[in-house]
Amino acid sequence: MSTNLEKSFISLFKDNQRIIHKVCRIYTDNAEDHEDLFQEITIQLWKSFPGFKGEAKFSTWMYRVALNTAISLFQKSKKREIEKSPIDISIIKTEYESYEDDGHKLKKMYQAIHSLSDIEKALIMMYLEDKPYKEIGEILGITEGNARVKMNRAKNNLKQKIDTK
């Protein structure tokens, strides 16, 4: 890649790398796996960057690559046993803003999220990020209406898992 392309990638990457950390937080439950997934997503972004045409926002494209990478890596992983406790997802939404906060409620929320399907994990993360349905559809390659339906199902599934003791 050319030096200009490299500089452009580095600049955009630095401005948006929090997206990758949030994806890693949703799909991993320990620091080592988080770091491994972060590196894999970074590699995939770098490999894919020459094909980024700017038709979508860089952050939308980055979400798409990051989620596709995470889903493909963890699709075959076995389900984890999750301790569940009642948590109101709307209350936790504010705590989610700072993923470094490992308070009891936030930890329980991530445990419940880890038990969701890969697509549901992506949907819940984007819900917590206040992404509009149109952008969610773009990221996942589905229609806005389909994104709304899938989001409602994912939220209901998460609430059910959280409410189950």
N, C-alpha and C. Protein backbone atom coordinates (compact mmCIF):
# COMPACT_ATOMS: atom_id res chain seq x y z
N MET A 1 0.83 -1.19 0.00
CA MET A 1 0.00 0.00 0.00
C MET A 1 0.87 1.24 0.00
N SER A 2 0.33 2.28 -0.57
CA SER A 2 1.08 3.53 -0.62
C SER A 2 1.13 4.18 0.75
N THR A 3 2.09 5.08 0.91
CA THR A 3 2.26 5.78 2.17
C THR A 3 1.02 6.61 2.51
N ASN A 4 0.42 7.26 1.51
CA ASN A 4 -0.79 8.06 1.76
C ASN A 4 -1.94 7.19 2.23
N LEU A 5 -2.09 6.03 1.61
CA LEU A 5 -3.14 5.10 2.00
C LEU A 5 -2.90 4.62 3.44
N GLU A 6 -1.64 4.35 3.75
CA GLU A 6 -1.27 3.91 5.09
C GLU A 6 -1.59 4.99 6.12
N LYS A 7 -1.22 6.23 5.81
CA LYS A 7 -1.48 7.35 6.72
C LYS A 7 -2.98 7.56 6.91
N SER A 8 -3.72 7.45 5.83
CA SER A 8 -5.17 7.60 5.89
C SER A 8 -5.78 6.52 6.79
N PHE A 9 -5.34 5.27 6.59
CA PHE A 9 -5.84 4.17 7.40
C PHE A 9 -5.54 4.40 8.88
N ILE A 10 -4.31 4.75 9.19
CA ILE A 10 -3.89 4.95 10.58
C ILE A 10 -4.72 6.05 11.23
N SER A 11 -4.94 7.13 10.52
CA SER A 11 -5.71 8.25 11.06
C SER A 11 -7.16 7.83 11.34
N LEU A 12 -7.79 7.21 10.36
CA LEU A 12 -9.18 6.75 10.54
C LEU A 12 -9.27 5.68 11.61
N PHE A 13 -8.30 4.79 11.65
CA PHE A 13 -8.28 3.73 12.64
C PHE A 13 -8.20 4.31 14.05
N LYS A 14 -7.28 5.23 14.27
CA LYS A 14 -7.12 5.84 15.59
C LYS A 14 -8.39 6.55 16.04
N ASP A 15 -9.03 7.24 15.11
CA ASP A 15 -10.25 7.97 15.45
C ASP A 15 -11.42 7.05 15.79
N ASN A 16 -11.38 5.82 15.33
CA ASN A 16 -12.52 4.91 15.48
C ASN A 16 -12.21 3.61 16.20
N GLN A 17 -11.03 3.46 16.79
CA GLN A 17 -10.67 2.17 17.36
C GLN A 17 -11.53 1.74 18.55
N ARG A 18 -12.24 2.69 19.16
CA ARG A 18 -13.12 2.32 20.26
C ARG A 18 -14.19 1.33 19.78
N ILE A 19 -14.58 1.46 18.52
CA ILE A 19 -15.55 0.53 17.94
C ILE A 19 -15.04 -0.91 18.08
N ILE A 20 -13.78 -1.11 17.77
CA ILE A 20 -13.20 -2.45 17.84
C ILE A 20 -13.21 -2.96 19.28
N HIS A 21 -12.86 -2.08 20.21
CA HIS A 21 -12.87 -2.50 21.62
C HIS A 21 -14.26 -2.92 22.06
N LYS A 22 -15.28 -2.20 21.61
CA LYS A 22 -16.65 -2.55 21.99
C LYS A 22 -17.06 -3.89 21.38
N VAL A 23 -16.69 -4.12 20.13
CA VAL A 23 -16.99 -5.40 19.51
C VAL A 23 -16.26 -6.52 20.27
N CYS A 24 -15.01 -6.29 20.61
CA CYS A 24 -14.23 -7.30 21.35
C CYS A 24 -14.86 -7.57 22.71
N ARG A 25 -15.34 -6.52 23.35
CA ARG A 25 -15.95 -6.67 24.68
C ARG A 25 -17.21 -7.52 24.61
N ILE A 26 -17.96 -7.38 23.52
CA ILE A 26 -19.20 -8.15 23.35
C ILE A 26 -18.90 -9.62 23.06
N TYR A 27 -17.83 -9.90 22.32
CA TYR A 27 -17.56 -11.26 21.86
C TYR A 27 -16.52 -12.01 22.68
N THR A 28 -15.88 -11.35 23.64
CA THR A 28 -14.88 -12.04 24.47
C THR A 28 -15.18 -11.78 25.95
N ASP A 29 -14.61 -12.64 26.80
CA ASP A 29 -14.84 -12.44 28.23
C ASP A 29 -13.56 -12.42 29.05
N ASN A 30 -12.42 -12.29 28.37
CA ASN A 30 -11.17 -12.12 29.12
C ASN A 30 -10.20 -11.28 28.29
N ALA A 31 -9.19 -10.73 28.98
CA ALA A 31 -8.27 -9.78 28.33
C ALA A 31 -7.48 -10.41 27.18
N GLU A 32 -7.07 -11.65 27.34
CA GLU A 32 -6.27 -12.31 26.29
C GLU A 32 -7.08 -12.49 25.01
N ASP A 33 -8.31 -12.96 25.14
CA ASP A 33 -9.17 -13.13 23.96
C ASP A 33 -9.51 -11.77 23.34
N HIS A 34 -9.71 -10.78 24.19
CA HIS A 34 -9.99 -9.41 23.71
C HIS A 34 -8.84 -8.93 22.84
N GLU A 35 -7.63 -9.11 23.33
CA GLU A 35 -6.45 -8.67 22.58
C GLU A 35 -6.30 -9.43 21.27
N ASP A 36 -6.51 -10.74 21.31
CA ASP A 36 -6.41 -11.56 20.10
C ASP A 36 -7.44 -11.12 19.05
N LEU A 37 -8.68 -10.91 19.50
CA LEU A 37 -9.73 -10.50 18.57
C LEU A 37 -9.44 -9.10 18.04
N PHE A 38 -8.97 -8.21 18.89
CA PHE A 38 -8.63 -6.85 18.46
C PHE A 38 -7.58 -6.91 17.34
N GLN A 39 -6.57 -7.74 17.53
CA GLN A 39 -5.53 -7.87 16.51
C GLN A 39 -6.07 -8.46 15.21
N GLU A 40 -6.92 -9.46 15.32
CA GLU A 40 -7.49 -10.08 14.13
C GLU A 40 -8.37 -9.09 13.36
N ILE A 41 -9.16 -8.34 14.09
CA ILE A 41 -10.01 -7.33 13.43
C ILE A 41 -9.14 -6.28 12.76
N THR A 42 -8.09 -5.84 13.43
CA THR A 42 -7.18 -4.84 12.86
C THR A 42 -6.55 -5.36 11.57
N ILE A 43 -6.14 -6.60 11.57
CA ILE A 43 -5.55 -7.21 10.37
C ILE A 43 -6.58 -7.23 9.23
N GLN A 44 -7.80 -7.64 9.55
CA GLN A 44 -8.84 -7.71 8.53
C GLN A 44 -9.20 -6.32 7.99
N LEU A 45 -9.20 -5.32 8.89
CA LEU A 45 -9.45 -3.95 8.43
C LEU A 45 -8.35 -3.49 7.48
N TRP A 46 -7.11 -3.77 7.85
CA TRP A 46 -5.97 -3.38 7.02
C TRP A 46 -6.03 -4.04 5.65
N LYS A 47 -6.33 -5.35 5.65
CA LYS A 47 -6.41 -6.07 4.38
C LYS A 47 -7.55 -5.56 3.51
N SER A 48 -8.65 -5.15 4.14
CA SER A 48 -9.84 -4.71 3.42
C SER A 48 -9.82 -3.24 3.04
N PHE A 49 -8.95 -2.46 3.66
CA PHE A 49 -8.96 -1.01 3.48
C PHE A 49 -8.83 -0.56 2.02
N PRO A 50 -8.01 -1.22 1.20
CA PRO A 50 -7.94 -0.77 -0.20
C PRO A 50 -9.29 -0.84 -0.91
N GLY A 51 -10.18 -1.69 -0.43
CA GLY A 51 -11.50 -1.82 -1.04
C GLY A 51 -12.53 -0.85 -0.46
N PHE A 52 -12.16 -0.09 0.57
CA PHE A 52 -13.07 0.88 1.15
C PHE A 52 -13.23 2.05 0.19
N LYS A 53 -14.43 2.24 -0.32
CA LYS A 53 -14.69 3.25 -1.34
C LYS A 53 -15.26 4.55 -0.77
N GLY A 54 -15.59 4.55 0.50
CA GLY A 54 -16.15 5.75 1.10
C GLY A 54 -17.63 5.94 0.81
N GLU A 55 -18.30 4.92 0.29
CA GLU A 55 -19.74 5.02 0.02
C GLU A 55 -20.54 5.05 1.31
N ALA A 56 -20.03 4.42 2.34
CA ALA A 56 -20.61 4.47 3.68
C ALA A 56 -19.61 5.20 4.57
N LYS A 57 -20.07 5.59 5.75
CA LYS A 57 -19.14 6.21 6.70
C LYS A 57 -18.07 5.18 7.07
N PHE A 58 -16.87 5.66 7.39
CA PHE A 58 -15.80 4.74 7.78
C PHE A 58 -16.23 3.92 8.99
N SER A 59 -16.89 4.55 9.96
CA SER A 59 -17.30 3.84 11.17
C SER A 59 -18.29 2.71 10.84
N THR A 60 -19.18 2.94 9.89
CA THR A 60 -20.12 1.89 9.47
C THR A 60 -19.37 0.73 8.84
N TRP A 61 -18.45 1.05 7.95
CA TRP A 61 -17.64 0.03 7.31
C TRP A 61 -16.81 -0.73 8.36
N MET A 62 -16.25 0.01 9.31
CA MET A 62 -15.43 -0.61 10.36
C MET A 62 -16.28 -1.57 11.21
N TYR A 63 -17.48 -1.16 11.58
CA TYR A 63 -18.38 -2.06 12.31
C TYR A 63 -18.62 -3.34 11.52
N ARG A 64 -18.87 -3.18 10.24
CA ARG A 64 -19.19 -4.35 9.41
C ARG A 64 -18.02 -5.33 9.38
N VAL A 65 -16.82 -4.84 9.15
CA VAL A 65 -15.64 -5.71 9.11
C VAL A 65 -15.40 -6.33 10.49
N ALA A 66 -15.50 -5.51 11.54
CA ALA A 66 -15.25 -6.00 12.91
C ALA A 66 -16.25 -7.07 13.30
N LEU A 67 -17.53 -6.83 13.04
CA LEU A 67 -18.55 -7.81 13.40
C LEU A 67 -18.42 -9.08 12.58
N ASN A 68 -18.18 -8.95 11.29
CA ASN A 68 -18.01 -10.15 10.46
C ASN A 68 -16.81 -10.97 10.92
N THR A 69 -15.73 -10.30 11.30
CA THR A 69 -14.55 -11.00 11.79
C THR A 69 -14.86 -11.72 13.10
N ALA A 70 -15.48 -11.01 14.03
CA ALA A 70 -15.81 -11.61 15.33
C ALA A 70 -16.76 -12.78 15.18
N ILE A 71 -17.78 -12.60 14.37
CA ILE A 71 -18.77 -13.66 14.18
C ILE A 71 -18.13 -14.89 13.55
N SER A 72 -17.29 -14.68 12.55
CA SER A 72 -16.67 -15.84 11.90
C SER A 72 -15.70 -16.56 12.83
N LEU A 73 -15.02 -15.82 13.69
CA LEU A 73 -14.07 -16.46 14.61
C LEU A 73 -14.76 -17.23 15.74
N PHE A 74 -15.89 -16.71 16.19
CA PHE A 74 -16.52 -17.30 17.36
C PHE A 74 -17.79 -18.09 17.05
N GLN A 75 -18.09 -18.25 15.77
CA GLN A 75 -19.29 -18.96 15.38
C GLN A 75 -19.29 -20.40 15.88
N LYS A 76 -18.15 -21.02 15.90
CA LYS A 76 -18.08 -22.43 16.26
C LYS A 76 -17.71 -22.66 17.73
N SER A 77 -17.52 -21.57 18.47
CA SER A 77 -17.15 -21.75 19.88
C SER A 77 -18.33 -22.30 20.67
N LYS A 78 -18.05 -23.11 21.67
CA LYS A 78 -19.13 -23.70 22.44
C LYS A 78 -19.78 -22.67 23.34
N LYS A 79 -21.03 -22.91 23.65
CA LYS A 79 -21.78 -21.99 24.50
C LYS A 79 -21.20 -22.01 25.92
N ARG A 80 -21.14 -20.83 26.52
CA ARG A 80 -20.63 -20.70 27.88
C ARG A 80 -21.78 -20.79 28.87
N GLU A 81 -21.50 -21.35 30.04
CA GLU A 81 -22.49 -21.34 31.11
C GLU A 81 -22.51 -19.94 31.69
N ILE A 82 -23.68 -19.38 31.81
CA ILE A 82 -23.83 -18.01 32.24
C ILE A 82 -24.65 -17.96 33.52
N GLU A 83 -24.14 -17.26 34.52
CA GLU A 83 -24.91 -16.99 35.72
C GLU A 83 -25.83 -15.82 35.40
N LYS A 84 -27.11 -15.97 35.65
CA LYS A 84 -28.07 -14.94 35.29
C LYS A 84 -28.67 -14.32 36.54
N SER A 85 -28.96 -13.01 36.46
CA SER A 85 -29.66 -12.32 37.53
C SER A 85 -30.49 -11.20 36.91
N PRO A 86 -31.55 -10.80 37.61
CA PRO A 86 -32.41 -9.76 37.03
C PRO A 86 -31.67 -8.43 36.89
N ILE A 87 -31.66 -7.89 35.67
CA ILE A 87 -31.03 -6.60 35.39
C ILE A 87 -31.92 -5.89 34.38
N ASP A 88 -32.15 -4.62 34.57
CA ASP A 88 -32.93 -3.84 33.62
C ASP A 88 -31.99 -3.30 32.56
N ILE A 89 -32.15 -3.73 31.30
CA ILE A 89 -31.25 -3.35 30.22
C ILE A 89 -31.22 -1.84 30.00
N SER A 90 -32.34 -1.16 30.24
CA SER A 90 -32.36 0.29 30.02
C SER A 90 -31.48 1.02 31.04
N ILE A 91 -31.38 0.51 32.25
CA ILE A 91 -30.52 1.12 33.27
C ILE A 91 -29.06 0.91 32.91
N ILE A 92 -28.74 -0.25 32.40
CA ILE A 92 -27.36 -0.60 32.09
C ILE A 92 -26.84 0.17 30.88
N LYS A 93 -27.73 0.64 30.04
CA LYS A 93 -27.32 1.34 28.83
C LYS A 93 -26.37 2.49 29.15
N THR A 94 -26.62 3.22 30.22
CA THR A 94 -25.73 4.32 30.58
C THR A 94 -24.38 3.80 31.08
N GLU A 95 -24.39 2.68 31.79
CA GLU A 95 -23.13 2.11 32.26
C GLU A 95 -22.29 1.60 31.09
N TYR A 96 -22.94 1.17 30.02
CA TYR A 96 -22.24 0.64 28.85
C TYR A 96 -21.34 1.68 28.20
N GLU A 97 -21.71 2.96 28.33
CA GLU A 97 -20.93 4.02 27.70
C GLU A 97 -19.45 3.93 28.04
N SER A 98 -19.13 3.46 29.25
CA SER A 98 -17.74 3.30 29.63
C SER A 98 -17.48 1.81 29.81
N TYR A 99 -16.96 1.16 28.76
CA TYR A 99 -16.79 -0.29 28.82
C TYR A 99 -15.75 -0.72 29.84
N GLU A 100 -14.94 0.22 30.35
CA GLU A 100 -13.95 -0.14 31.36
C GLU A 100 -14.61 -0.40 32.71
N ASP A 101 -15.83 0.11 32.92
CA ASP A 101 -16.54 -0.05 34.19
C ASP A 101 -16.96 -1.51 34.34
N ASP A 102 -16.34 -2.21 35.25
CA ASP A 102 -16.67 -3.61 35.44
C ASP A 102 -17.53 -3.81 36.69
N GLY A 103 -18.48 -2.91 36.90
CA GLY A 103 -19.41 -3.04 38.01
C GLY A 103 -20.20 -4.33 37.89
N HIS A 104 -20.85 -4.71 38.97
CA HIS A 104 -21.59 -5.97 39.03
C HIS A 104 -22.66 -6.05 37.94
N LYS A 105 -23.46 -4.98 37.78
CA LYS A 105 -24.53 -5.01 36.77
C LYS A 105 -23.97 -5.12 35.36
N LEU A 106 -22.92 -4.37 35.09
CA LEU A 106 -22.33 -4.40 33.75
C LEU A 106 -21.76 -5.78 33.45
N LYS A 107 -21.13 -6.38 34.43
CA LYS A 107 -20.56 -7.71 34.25
C LYS A 107 -21.66 -8.73 33.96
N LYS A 108 -22.75 -8.64 34.68
CA LYS A 108 -23.88 -9.55 34.48
C LYS A 108 -24.49 -9.35 33.09
N MET A 109 -24.56 -8.08 32.66
CA MET A 109 -25.11 -7.81 31.34
C MET A 109 -24.25 -8.47 30.27
N TYR A 110 -22.93 -8.33 30.39
CA TYR A 110 -22.05 -8.93 29.40
C TYR A 110 -22.13 -10.45 29.44
N GLN A 111 -22.32 -11.02 30.61
CA GLN A 111 -22.48 -12.47 30.69
C GLN A 111 -23.73 -12.90 29.93
N ALA A 112 -24.80 -12.16 30.11
CA ALA A 112 -26.04 -12.49 29.39
C ALA A 112 -25.85 -12.29 27.89
N ILE A 113 -25.18 -11.21 27.50
CA ILE A 113 -24.93 -10.94 26.08
C ILE A 113 -24.10 -12.07 25.47
N HIS A 114 -23.13 -12.57 26.21
CA HIS A 114 -22.27 -13.66 25.69
C HIS A 114 -23.07 -14.91 25.38
N SER A 115 -24.24 -15.07 26.01
CA SER A 115 -25.05 -16.27 25.76
C SER A 115 -25.95 -16.12 24.54
N LEU A 116 -26.00 -14.93 23.95
CA LEU A 116 -26.82 -14.70 22.76
C LEU A 116 -26.14 -15.26 21.52
N SER A 117 -26.90 -15.36 20.44
CA SER A 117 -26.32 -15.77 19.16
C SER A 117 -25.40 -14.65 18.67
N ASP A 118 -24.53 -14.95 17.75
CA ASP A 118 -23.57 -13.97 17.25
C ASP A 118 -24.26 -12.74 16.65
N ILE A 119 -25.32 -12.95 15.90
CA ILE A 119 -26.05 -11.84 15.29
C ILE A 119 -26.73 -11.01 16.37
N GLU A 120 -27.33 -11.67 17.37
CA GLU A 120 -27.99 -10.95 18.45
C GLU A 120 -26.98 -10.11 19.24
N LYS A 121 -25.77 -10.63 19.43
CA LYS A 121 -24.73 -9.85 20.10
C LYS A 121 -24.46 -8.55 19.35
N ALA A 122 -24.33 -8.66 18.04
CA ALA A 122 -24.07 -7.48 17.21
C ALA A 122 -25.23 -6.49 17.31
N LEU A 123 -26.45 -6.99 17.25
CA LEU A 123 -27.61 -6.12 17.34
C LEU A 123 -27.68 -5.39 18.68
N ILE A 124 -27.47 -6.11 19.76
CA ILE A 124 -27.52 -5.50 21.09
C ILE A 124 -26.42 -4.45 21.23
N MET A 125 -25.22 -4.74 20.72
CA MET A 125 -24.14 -3.75 20.80
C MET A 125 -24.54 -2.48 20.07
N MET A 126 -25.11 -2.63 18.90
CA MET A 126 -25.49 -1.44 18.13
C MET A 126 -26.66 -0.70 18.79
N TYR A 127 -27.55 -1.44 19.45
CA TYR A 127 -28.63 -0.81 20.22
C TYR A 127 -28.04 0.03 21.35
N LEU A 128 -27.08 -0.54 22.05
CA LEU A 128 -26.44 0.18 23.15
C LEU A 128 -25.65 1.39 22.65
N GLU A 129 -25.24 1.35 21.40
CA GLU A 129 -24.51 2.46 20.78
C GLU A 129 -25.47 3.49 20.16
N ASP A 130 -26.78 3.26 20.28
CA ASP A 130 -27.80 4.15 19.71
C ASP A 130 -27.68 4.29 18.20
N LYS A 131 -27.28 3.22 17.53
CA LYS A 131 -27.19 3.25 16.07
C LYS A 131 -28.61 3.27 15.48
N PRO A 132 -28.86 4.09 14.47
CA PRO A 132 -30.17 4.07 13.81
C PRO A 132 -30.35 2.77 13.03
N TYR A 133 -31.61 2.36 12.87
CA TYR A 133 -31.89 1.10 12.19
C TYR A 133 -31.35 1.09 10.77
N LYS A 134 -31.35 2.22 10.12
CA LYS A 134 -30.82 2.28 8.75
C LYS A 134 -29.35 1.89 8.74
N GLU A 135 -28.57 2.44 9.69
CA GLU A 135 -27.14 2.11 9.75
C GLU A 135 -26.93 0.66 10.18
N ILE A 136 -27.75 0.17 11.10
CA ILE A 136 -27.65 -1.23 11.51
C ILE A 136 -27.86 -2.14 10.30
N GLY A 137 -28.86 -1.79 9.49
CA GLY A 137 -29.11 -2.56 8.28
C GLY A 137 -27.93 -2.54 7.34
N GLU A 138 -27.31 -1.36 7.17
CA GLU A 138 -26.13 -1.24 6.31
C GLU A 138 -24.98 -2.10 6.83
N ILE A 139 -24.76 -2.04 8.13
CA ILE A 139 -23.66 -2.79 8.73
C ILE A 139 -23.86 -4.30 8.55
N LEU A 140 -25.09 -4.75 8.77
CA LEU A 140 -25.37 -6.19 8.71
C LEU A 140 -25.78 -6.67 7.32
N GLY A 141 -25.96 -5.73 6.41
CA GLY A 141 -26.35 -6.12 5.05
C GLY A 141 -27.79 -6.58 4.94
N ILE A 142 -28.69 -5.96 5.74
CA ILE A 142 -30.11 -6.29 5.72
C ILE A 142 -30.91 -4.99 5.57
N THR A 143 -32.21 -5.12 5.36
CA THR A 143 -33.04 -3.93 5.22
C THR A 143 -33.27 -3.29 6.59
N GLU A 144 -33.68 -2.03 6.56
CA GLU A 144 -33.98 -1.32 7.80
C GLU A 144 -35.11 -2.02 8.56
N GLY A 145 -36.14 -2.43 7.84
CA GLY A 145 -37.26 -3.14 8.47
C GLY A 145 -36.84 -4.45 9.11
N ASN A 146 -35.99 -5.19 8.41
CA ASN A 146 -35.49 -6.45 8.95
C ASN A 146 -34.64 -6.18 10.19
N ALA A 147 -33.88 -5.09 10.18
CA ALA A 147 -33.07 -4.72 11.35
C ALA A 147 -33.97 -4.45 12.55
N ARG A 148 -35.11 -3.79 12.33
CA ARG A 148 -36.04 -3.51 13.43
C ARG A 148 -36.60 -4.81 14.02
N VAL A 149 -37.01 -5.71 13.16
CA VAL A 149 -37.57 -6.99 13.62
C VAL A 149 -36.52 -7.77 14.41
N LYS A 150 -35.33 -7.91 13.82
CA LYS A 150 -34.26 -8.66 14.49
C LYS A 150 -33.87 -8.01 15.81
N MET A 151 -33.87 -6.67 15.86
CA MET A 151 -33.51 -5.96 17.08
C MET A 151 -34.53 -6.25 18.19
N ASN A 152 -35.81 -6.19 17.86
CA ASN A 152 -36.83 -6.48 18.87
C ASN A 152 -36.69 -7.90 19.40
N ARG A 153 -36.44 -8.84 18.52
CA ARG A 153 -36.25 -10.23 18.95
C ARG A 153 -35.01 -10.36 19.84
N ALA A 154 -33.93 -9.68 19.46
CA ALA A 154 -32.69 -9.76 20.25
C ALA A 154 -32.88 -9.14 21.63
N LYS A 155 -33.55 -7.99 21.69
CA LYS A 155 -33.79 -7.33 22.99
C LYS A 155 -34.67 -8.21 23.88
N ASN A 156 -35.71 -8.81 23.28
CA ASN A 156 -36.59 -9.69 24.06
C ASN A 156 -35.82 -10.91 24.56
N ASN A 157 -34.98 -11.48 23.71
CA ASN A 157 -34.18 -12.63 24.10
C ASN A 157 -33.24 -12.27 25.24
N LEU A 158 -32.59 -11.10 25.13
CA LEU A 158 -31.67 -10.67 26.19
C LEU A 158 -32.42 -10.43 27.49
N LYS A 159 -33.56 -9.75 27.42
CA LYS A 159 -34.36 -9.52 28.64
C LYS A 159 -34.74 -10.83 29.29
N GLN A 160 -35.13 -11.81 28.47
CA GLN A 160 -35.51 -13.12 28.99
C GLN A 160 -34.33 -13.79 29.69
N LYS A 161 -33.15 -13.71 29.08
CA LYS A 161 -31.96 -14.32 29.67
C LYS A 161 -31.56 -13.61 30.98
N ILE A 162 -31.73 -12.29 31.00
CA ILE A 162 -31.39 -11.53 32.19
C ILE A 162 -32.38 -11.80 33.32
N ASP A 163 -33.66 -11.92 32.97
CA ASP A 163 -34.70 -12.14 33.98
C ASP A 163 -34.71 -13.55 34.52
N THR A 164 -34.15 -14.51 33.78
CA THR A 164 -34.09 -15.90 34.21
C THR A 164 -33.06 -16.05 35.32
N LYS A 165 -33.45 -16.68 36.36
CA LYS A 165 -32.51 -16.86 37.47
C LYS A 165 -31.83 -18.18 37.41
